[in-house]
Amino acid sequence: PTTQAQPPNPLPMPLRSLALIPARLESSRLPRKMLADLGGKPLIVRTWEAVQKASCFAKVLVVTDAVEILEAAAQHGVPAVLSSPSHVSGSDRIAEALQNLPEGSTYEVVVNVQGDEPMIPASVLENLVALFEDPTVQVASACCPWPQAEDPQNQDRVKVVLDAFDRSLYFSRAAIPAQRKDSASAPPRFLHLGLYAYRPEHLLEFTRLQPAPSEESEKLEQL
């Protein structure tokens, strides 16, 4: 007797994903940072190149409030669009861009990558997008174990506390979690990476919410 071969199970379709890189000209800590020279190219171009290496994106787009950044991107063949200069956060900026893209409704995942991340590994971006293969995931971010050389008291380095399922409990500029003097060992501490991924409808919903008191105190929009 012969056995008829069964057709293989179809592979899941890859998620149609979009990376948006908000780039504001007048940064509070380092004005014009996005145009700073990094090995012969502006910082924002180097970040776009790093994100472009990830295999998960149908498009990688810079979203800026400045014609200077738009022109610098064009000189290096980087796609970029202008947005309103009145936005108070990168999320607001990319939400505008998403709504203005003709194909915006076709994306299943939108990733907000900070413009000053020229060393972001492609694998981090790919793993972040892969989380959305679970249909219950609506918003995701990324963190890593706290680097030993970093000072936990540095308020420019954001910490995140996770639960047993890797869900965030709280983000802070303070050195969380605290270690009591009578504790036998230090608790694990995680450094939050400046990445946010959303289902498109949840990005738009998020930008319509009013800031929470904790957000205004910590100056962290994810709160």
C-alpha atoms as a PDB file:
ATOM      1  CA  PRO A   1       0.000   0.000   0.000  1.00  0.00           C
ATOM      2  CA  THR A   2       1.033   3.552  -0.575  1.00  0.00           C
ATOM      3  CA  THR A   3       0.659   6.464   1.786  1.00  0.00           C
ATOM      4  CA  GLN A   4      -0.438   9.808   0.431  1.00  0.00           C
ATOM      5  CA  ALA A   5       1.791  12.610   1.664  1.00  0.00           C
ATOM      6  CA  GLN A   6      -0.004  15.175   3.770  1.00  0.00           C
ATOM      7  CA  PRO A   7       0.508  18.827   2.785  1.00  0.00           C
ATOM      8  CA  PRO A   8       2.752  20.628   5.239  1.00  0.00           C
ATOM      9  CA  ASN A   9       1.182  23.037   7.715  1.00  0.00           C
ATOM     10  CA  PRO A  10       1.333  26.540   6.242  1.00  0.00           C
ATOM     11  CA  LEU A  11       3.838  28.842   7.861  1.00  0.00           C
ATOM     12  CA  PRO A  12       2.332  31.795   9.755  1.00  0.00           C
ATOM     13  CA  MET A  13       2.305  35.002   7.763  1.00  0.00           C
ATOM     14  CA  PRO A  14       4.820  37.529   9.086  1.00  0.00           C
ATOM     15  CA  LEU A  15       3.308  40.501  10.858  1.00  0.00           C
ATOM     16  CA  ARG A  16       3.230  43.615   8.712  1.00  0.00           C
ATOM     17  CA  SER A  17       5.233  45.990  10.869  1.00  0.00           C
ATOM     18  CA  LEU A  18       6.280  49.625  10.680  1.00  0.00           C
ATOM     19  CA  ALA A  19       9.185  51.318  12.463  1.00  0.00           C
ATOM     20  CA  LEU A  20       8.806  55.044  13.112  1.00  0.00           C
ATOM     21  CA  ILE A  21      11.741  57.083  14.436  1.00  0.00           C
ATOM     22  CA  PRO A  22      10.703  60.405  16.006  1.00  0.00           C
ATOM     23  CA  ALA A  23      13.419  63.032  15.659  1.00  0.00           C
ATOM     24  CA  ARG A  24      13.082  66.408  17.362  1.00  0.00           C
ATOM     25  CA  LEU A  25      15.682  69.064  16.529  1.00  0.00           C
ATOM     26  CA  GLU A  26      15.831  70.895  19.855  1.00  0.00           C
ATOM     27  CA  SER A  27      16.558  68.237  22.450  1.00  0.00           C
ATOM     28  CA  SER A  28      16.482  69.528  26.028  1.00  0.00           C
ATOM     29  CA  ARG A  29      19.757  67.915  27.095  1.00  0.00           C
ATOM     30  CA  LEU A  30      21.704  68.198  23.828  1.00  0.00           C
ATOM     31  CA  PRO A  31      20.208  70.604  21.277  1.00  0.00           C
ATOM     32  CA  ARG A  32      20.484  69.476  17.628  1.00  0.00           C
ATOM     33  CA  LYS A  33      21.546  66.017  18.789  1.00  0.00           C
ATOM     34  CA  MET A  34      19.852  64.301  15.831  1.00  0.00           C
ATOM     35  CA  LEU A  35      22.242  66.109  13.460  1.00  0.00           C
ATOM     36  CA  ALA A  36      25.390  65.341  15.475  1.00  0.00           C
ATOM     37  CA  ASP A  37      28.106  63.781  13.330  1.00  0.00           C
ATOM     38  CA  LEU A  38      28.672  60.081  13.985  1.00  0.00           C
ATOM     39  CA  GLY A  39      31.363  58.646  11.762  1.00  0.00           C
ATOM     40  CA  GLY A  40      30.566  60.962   8.883  1.00  0.00           C
ATOM     41  CA  LYS A  41      26.764  60.729   9.049  1.00  0.00           C
ATOM     42  CA  PRO A  42      24.142  62.396  11.263  1.00  0.00           C
ATOM     43  CA  LEU A  43      23.043  60.466  14.330  1.00  0.00           C
ATOM     44  CA  ILE A  44      19.491  60.095  13.002  1.00  0.00           C
ATOM     45  CA  VAL A  45      20.805  58.485   9.807  1.00  0.00           C
ATOM     46  CA  ARG A  46      22.900  56.014  11.814  1.00  0.00           C
ATOM     47  CA  THR A  47      19.832  55.085  13.858  1.00  0.00           C
ATOM     48  CA  TRP A  48      17.765  54.552  10.695  1.00  0.00           C
ATOM     49  CA  GLU A  49      20.501  52.308   9.302  1.00  0.00           C
ATOM     50  CA  ALA A  50      20.537  50.235  12.492  1.00  0.00           C
ATOM     51  CA  VAL A  51      16.758  49.775  12.467  1.00  0.00           C
ATOM     52  CA  GLN A  52      16.804  48.972   8.748  1.00  0.00           C
ATOM     53  CA  LYS A  53      18.945  45.886   9.515  1.00  0.00           C
ATOM     54  CA  ALA A  54      16.019  44.248  11.335  1.00  0.00           C
ATOM     55  CA  SER A  55      14.181  41.808   9.086  1.00  0.00           C
ATOM     56  CA  CYS A  56      10.748  42.471  10.605  1.00  0.00           C
ATOM     57  CA  PHE A  57       9.834  45.846   9.107  1.00  0.00           C
ATOM     58  CA  ALA A  58       7.992  46.596   5.884  1.00  0.00           C
ATOM     59  CA  LYS A  59       9.050  50.243   6.244  1.00  0.00           C
ATOM     60  CA  VAL A  60      11.379  52.323   8.442  1.00  0.00           C
ATOM     61  CA  LEU A  61      10.530  56.023   8.484  1.00  0.00           C
ATOM     62  CA  VAL A  62      11.938  59.091  10.263  1.00  0.00           C
ATOM     63  CA  VAL A  63       9.307  61.512  11.614  1.00  0.00           C
ATOM     64  CA  THR A  64      10.648  64.980  12.403  1.00  0.00           C
ATOM     65  CA  ASP A  65       9.569  68.490  13.330  1.00  0.00           C
ATOM     66  CA  ALA A  66      12.443  70.157  11.468  1.00  0.00           C
ATOM     67  CA  VAL A  67      13.187  70.842   7.799  1.00  0.00           C
ATOM     68  CA  GLU A  68      16.911  70.550   8.598  1.00  0.00           C
ATOM     69  CA  ILE A  69      16.499  66.929   9.690  1.00  0.00           C
ATOM     70  CA  LEU A  70      14.271  66.249   6.678  1.00  0.00           C
ATOM     71  CA  GLU A  71      16.960  67.602   4.356  1.00  0.00           C
ATOM     72  CA  ALA A  72      19.771  65.702   6.112  1.00  0.00           C
ATOM     73  CA  ALA A  73      17.783  62.475   5.797  1.00  0.00           C
ATOM     74  CA  ALA A  74      17.156  63.099   2.088  1.00  0.00           C
ATOM     75  CA  GLN A  75      20.876  63.626   1.481  1.00  0.00           C
ATOM     76  CA  HIS A  76      21.483  60.079   2.726  1.00  0.00           C
ATOM     77  CA  GLY A  77      18.502  58.429   1.053  1.00  0.00           C
ATOM     78  CA  VAL A  78      16.557  58.072   4.305  1.00  0.00           C
ATOM     79  CA  PRO A  79      12.758  58.351   3.992  1.00  0.00           C
ATOM     80  CA  ALA A  80      11.382  61.014   6.324  1.00  0.00           C
ATOM     81  CA  VAL A  81       8.219  63.065   6.848  1.00  0.00           C
ATOM     82  CA  LEU A  82       7.448  66.312   8.619  1.00  0.00           C
ATOM     83  CA  SER A  83       5.134  66.439  11.615  1.00  0.00           C
ATOM     84  CA  SER A  84       3.696  69.191  13.762  1.00  0.00           C
ATOM     85  CA  PRO A  85       6.269  70.977  15.970  1.00  0.00           C
ATOM     86  CA  SER A  86       3.740  71.171  18.811  1.00  0.00           C
ATOM     87  CA  HIS A  87       3.885  67.510  19.869  1.00  0.00           C
ATOM     88  CA  VAL A  88       5.021  66.940  23.460  1.00  0.00           C
ATOM     89  CA  SER A  89       6.113  63.322  22.988  1.00  0.00           C
ATOM     90  CA  GLY A  90       7.511  60.972  20.393  1.00  0.00           C
ATOM     91  CA  SER A  91       4.356  58.874  20.599  1.00  0.00           C
ATOM     92  CA  ASP A  92       2.231  61.857  19.575  1.00  0.00           C
ATOM     93  CA  ARG A  93       4.590  62.501  16.675  1.00  0.00           C
ATOM     94  CA  ILE A  94       4.465  58.955  15.308  1.00  0.00           C
ATOM     95  CA  ALA A  95       0.683  58.758  15.788  1.00  0.00           C
ATOM     96  CA  GLU A  96       0.320  61.719  13.437  1.00  0.00           C
ATOM     97  CA  ALA A  97       2.616  60.062  10.900  1.00  0.00           C
ATOM     98  CA  LEU A  98       0.715  56.779  11.084  1.00  0.00           C
ATOM     99  CA  GLN A  99      -2.594  58.504  10.430  1.00  0.00           C
ATOM    100  CA  ASN A 100      -1.140  60.386   7.445  1.00  0.00           C
ATOM    101  CA  LEU A 101       0.414  57.357   5.728  1.00  0.00           C
ATOM    102  CA  PRO A 102      -1.771  56.181   2.826  1.00  0.00           C
ATOM    103  CA  GLU A 103      -1.097  52.563   3.785  1.00  0.00           C
ATOM    104  CA  GLY A 104      -1.235  53.206   7.539  1.00  0.00           C
ATOM    105  CA  SER A 105      -4.239  50.956   8.115  1.00  0.00           C
ATOM    106  CA  THR A 106      -2.398  47.936   6.702  1.00  0.00           C
ATOM    107  CA  TYR A 107       0.144  47.696   9.522  1.00  0.00           C
ATOM    108  CA  GLU A 108      -0.380  45.251  12.377  1.00  0.00           C
ATOM    109  CA  VAL A 109       2.453  46.506  14.615  1.00  0.00           C
ATOM    110  CA  VAL A 110       4.011  49.965  14.963  1.00  0.00           C
ATOM    111  CA  VAL A 111       7.359  50.332  16.750  1.00  0.00           C
ATOM    112  CA  ASN A 112       8.587  53.637  18.184  1.00  0.00           C
ATOM    113  CA  VAL A 113      12.405  53.707  18.108  1.00  0.00           C
ATOM    114  CA  GLN A 114      14.158  56.644  19.757  1.00  0.00           C
ATOM    115  CA  GLY A 115      16.284  58.651  17.328  1.00  0.00           C
ATOM    116  CA  ASP A 116      19.435  58.313  19.447  1.00  0.00           C
ATOM    117  CA  GLU A 117      19.699  54.505  19.252  1.00  0.00           C
ATOM    118  CA  PRO A 118      22.344  53.926  16.546  1.00  0.00           C
ATOM    119  CA  MET A 119      23.558  50.738  18.258  1.00  0.00           C
ATOM    120  CA  ILE A 120      20.175  49.048  18.705  1.00  0.00           C
ATOM    121  CA  PRO A 121      20.576  45.344  17.831  1.00  0.00           C
ATOM    122  CA  ALA A 122      18.316  44.043  15.083  1.00  0.00           C
ATOM    123  CA  SER A 123      17.525  40.999  17.243  1.00  0.00           C
ATOM    124  CA  VAL A 124      15.929  43.195  19.947  1.00  0.00           C
ATOM    125  CA  LEU A 125      13.595  44.746  17.391  1.00  0.00           C
ATOM    126  CA  GLU A 126      12.761  41.371  15.851  1.00  0.00           C
ATOM    127  CA  ASN A 127      12.017  39.816  19.244  1.00  0.00           C
ATOM    128  CA  LEU A 128       9.832  42.778  20.194  1.00  0.00           C
ATOM    129  CA  VAL A 129       7.708  42.454  17.051  1.00  0.00           C
ATOM    130  CA  ALA A 130       7.511  38.659  17.466  1.00  0.00           C
ATOM    131  CA  LEU A 131       5.672  39.171  20.786  1.00  0.00           C
ATOM    132  CA  PHE A 132       2.641  40.304  18.783  1.00  0.00           C
ATOM    133  CA  GLU A 133       2.193  36.851  17.313  1.00  0.00           C
ATOM    134  CA  ASP A 134       0.265  36.405  20.560  1.00  0.00           C
ATOM    135  CA  PRO A 135      -3.057  38.131  19.757  1.00  0.00           C
ATOM    136  CA  THR A 136      -3.506  39.188  23.399  1.00  0.00           C
ATOM    137  CA  VAL A 137      -0.425  41.433  23.284  1.00  0.00           C
ATOM    138  CA  GLN A 138      -1.412  45.039  22.642  1.00  0.00           C
ATOM    139  CA  VAL A 139       1.628  47.024  23.829  1.00  0.00           C
ATOM    140  CA  ALA A 140       5.206  45.921  24.481  1.00  0.00           C
ATOM    141  CA  SER A 141       8.574  47.376  25.368  1.00  0.00           C
ATOM    142  CA  ALA A 142      12.072  46.107  26.091  1.00  0.00           C
ATOM    143  CA  CYS A 143      14.581  46.055  28.922  1.00  0.00           C
ATOM    144  CA  CYS A 144      17.869  44.393  29.810  1.00  0.00           C
ATOM    145  CA  PRO A 145      19.682  43.411  33.020  1.00  0.00           C
ATOM    146  CA  TRP A 146      21.170  46.432  34.736  1.00  0.00           C
ATOM    147  CA  PRO A 147      24.734  47.078  33.444  1.00  0.00           C
ATOM    148  CA  GLN A 148      27.258  46.766  36.261  1.00  0.00           C
ATOM    149  CA  ALA A 149      29.051  49.952  35.248  1.00  0.00           C
ATOM    150  CA  GLU A 150      25.854  52.034  35.487  1.00  0.00           C
ATOM    151  CA  ASP A 151      24.954  54.041  38.594  1.00  0.00           C
ATOM    152  CA  PRO A 152      21.377  53.188  39.670  1.00  0.00           C
ATOM    153  CA  GLN A 153      21.054  56.725  41.046  1.00  0.00           C
ATOM    154  CA  ASN A 154      21.452  58.208  37.561  1.00  0.00           C
ATOM    155  CA  GLN A 155      18.024  59.682  36.799  1.00  0.00           C
ATOM    156  CA  ASP A 156      18.722  59.718  33.068  1.00  0.00           C
ATOM    157  CA  ARG A 157      18.713  55.896  33.095  1.00  0.00           C
ATOM    158  CA  VAL A 158      15.177  54.574  33.487  1.00  0.00           C
ATOM    159  CA  LYS A 159      14.486  51.489  35.587  1.00  0.00           C
ATOM    160  CA  VAL A 160      11.589  49.067  35.296  1.00  0.00           C
ATOM    161  CA  VAL A 161      10.254  46.506  37.772  1.00  0.00           C
ATOM    162  CA  LEU A 162       8.710  43.358  36.265  1.00  0.00           C
ATOM    163  CA  ASP A 163       6.329  40.742  37.568  1.00  0.00           C
ATOM    164  CA  ALA A 164       6.776  36.977  37.172  1.00  0.00           C
ATOM    165  CA  PHE A 165       5.338  37.143  33.643  1.00  0.00           C
ATOM    166  CA  ASP A 166       7.670  39.936  32.443  1.00  0.00           C
ATOM    167  CA  ARG A 167       4.888  42.482  32.629  1.00  0.00           C
ATOM    168  CA  SER A 168       5.939  45.933  33.782  1.00  0.00           C
ATOM    169  CA  LEU A 169       4.804  46.999  37.230  1.00  0.00           C
ATOM    170  CA  TYR A 170       6.398  50.439  37.312  1.00  0.00           C
ATOM    171  CA  PHE A 171       8.973  52.606  35.551  1.00  0.00           C
ATOM    172  CA  SER A 172      11.031  55.175  37.415  1.00  0.00           C
ATOM    173  CA  ARG A 173      14.077  57.384  37.310  1.00  0.00           C
ATOM    174  CA  ALA A 174      14.658  56.392  40.941  1.00  0.00           C
ATOM    175  CA  ALA A 175      16.763  53.368  41.882  1.00  0.00           C
ATOM    176  CA  ILE A 176      13.986  50.765  41.950  1.00  0.00           C
ATOM    177  CA  PRO A 177      13.557  48.201  43.326  1.00  0.00           C
ATOM    178  CA  ALA A 178      14.961  49.400  46.637  1.00  0.00           C
ATOM    179  CA  GLN A 179      17.252  47.217  48.725  1.00  0.00           C
ATOM    180  CA  ARG A 180      16.794  47.363  52.472  1.00  0.00           C
ATOM    181  CA  LYS A 181      19.921  47.417  54.596  1.00  0.00           C
ATOM    182  CA  ASP A 182      18.904  44.137  56.211  1.00  0.00           C
ATOM    183  CA  SER A 183      18.328  42.376  52.847  1.00  0.00           C
ATOM    184  CA  ALA A 184      20.582  39.408  52.221  1.00  0.00           C
ATOM    185  CA  SER A 185      20.868  39.997  48.460  1.00  0.00           C
ATOM    186  CA  ALA A 186      20.231  42.736  45.959  1.00  0.00           C
ATOM    187  CA  PRO A 187      17.014  42.448  43.934  1.00  0.00           C
ATOM    188  CA  PRO A 188      17.306  42.165  40.151  1.00  0.00           C
ATOM    189  CA  ARG A 189      17.284  45.555  38.483  1.00  0.00           C
ATOM    190  CA  PHE A 190      16.449  46.209  34.830  1.00  0.00           C
ATOM    191  CA  LEU A 191      17.336  49.052  32.485  1.00  0.00           C
ATOM    192  CA  HIS A 192      14.452  50.140  30.283  1.00  0.00           C
ATOM    193  CA  LEU A 193      15.288  50.491  26.597  1.00  0.00           C
ATOM    194  CA  GLY A 194      13.637  53.292  24.645  1.00  0.00           C
ATOM    195  CA  LEU A 195      11.437  51.074  22.482  1.00  0.00           C
ATOM    196  CA  TYR A 196       7.644  50.903  22.370  1.00  0.00           C
ATOM    197  CA  ALA A 197       5.572  48.650  20.145  1.00  0.00           C
ATOM    198  CA  TYR A 198       1.824  48.930  19.684  1.00  0.00           C
ATOM    199  CA  ARG A 199      -1.119  47.601  17.797  1.00  0.00           C
ATOM    200  CA  PRO A 200      -1.960  50.683  15.691  1.00  0.00           C
ATOM    201  CA  GLU A 201      -5.348  51.242  17.318  1.00  0.00           C
ATOM    202  CA  HIS A 202      -3.750  51.170  20.768  1.00  0.00           C
ATOM    203  CA  LEU A 203      -1.110  53.710  19.765  1.00  0.00           C
ATOM    204  CA  LEU A 204      -3.874  56.092  18.728  1.00  0.00           C
ATOM    205  CA  GLU A 205      -5.805  55.380  21.918  1.00  0.00           C
ATOM    206  CA  PHE A 206      -2.681  55.932  24.044  1.00  0.00           C
ATOM    207  CA  THR A 207      -2.038  59.370  22.557  1.00  0.00           C
ATOM    208  CA  ARG A 208      -5.596  60.445  23.405  1.00  0.00           C
ATOM    209  CA  LEU A 209      -5.176  59.685  27.120  1.00  0.00           C
ATOM    210  CA  GLN A 210      -4.507  62.444  29.645  1.00  0.00           C
ATOM    211  CA  PRO A 211      -1.115  62.356  31.416  1.00  0.00           C
ATOM    212  CA  ALA A 212      -1.154  60.610  34.783  1.00  0.00           C
ATOM    213  CA  PRO A 213       0.332  62.369  37.841  1.00  0.00           C
ATOM    214  CA  SER A 214       3.145  59.807  37.917  1.00  0.00           C
ATOM    215  CA  GLU A 215       3.949  60.573  34.270  1.00  0.00           C
ATOM    216  CA  GLU A 216       4.170  64.286  34.943  1.00  0.00           C
ATOM    217  CA  SER A 217       6.313  63.740  38.031  1.00  0.00           C
ATOM    218  CA  GLU A 218       8.742  61.260  36.456  1.00  0.00           C
ATOM    219  CA  LYS A 219       8.581  62.722  32.924  1.00  0.00           C
ATOM    220  CA  LEU A 220       8.054  59.211  31.529  1.00  0.00           C
ATOM    221  CA  GLU A 221       5.240  58.958  29.008  1.00  0.00           C
ATOM    222  CA  GLN A 222       4.873  55.167  29.429  1.00  0.00           C
ATOM    223  CA  LEU A 223       3.377  55.830  32.866  1.00  0.00           C
END
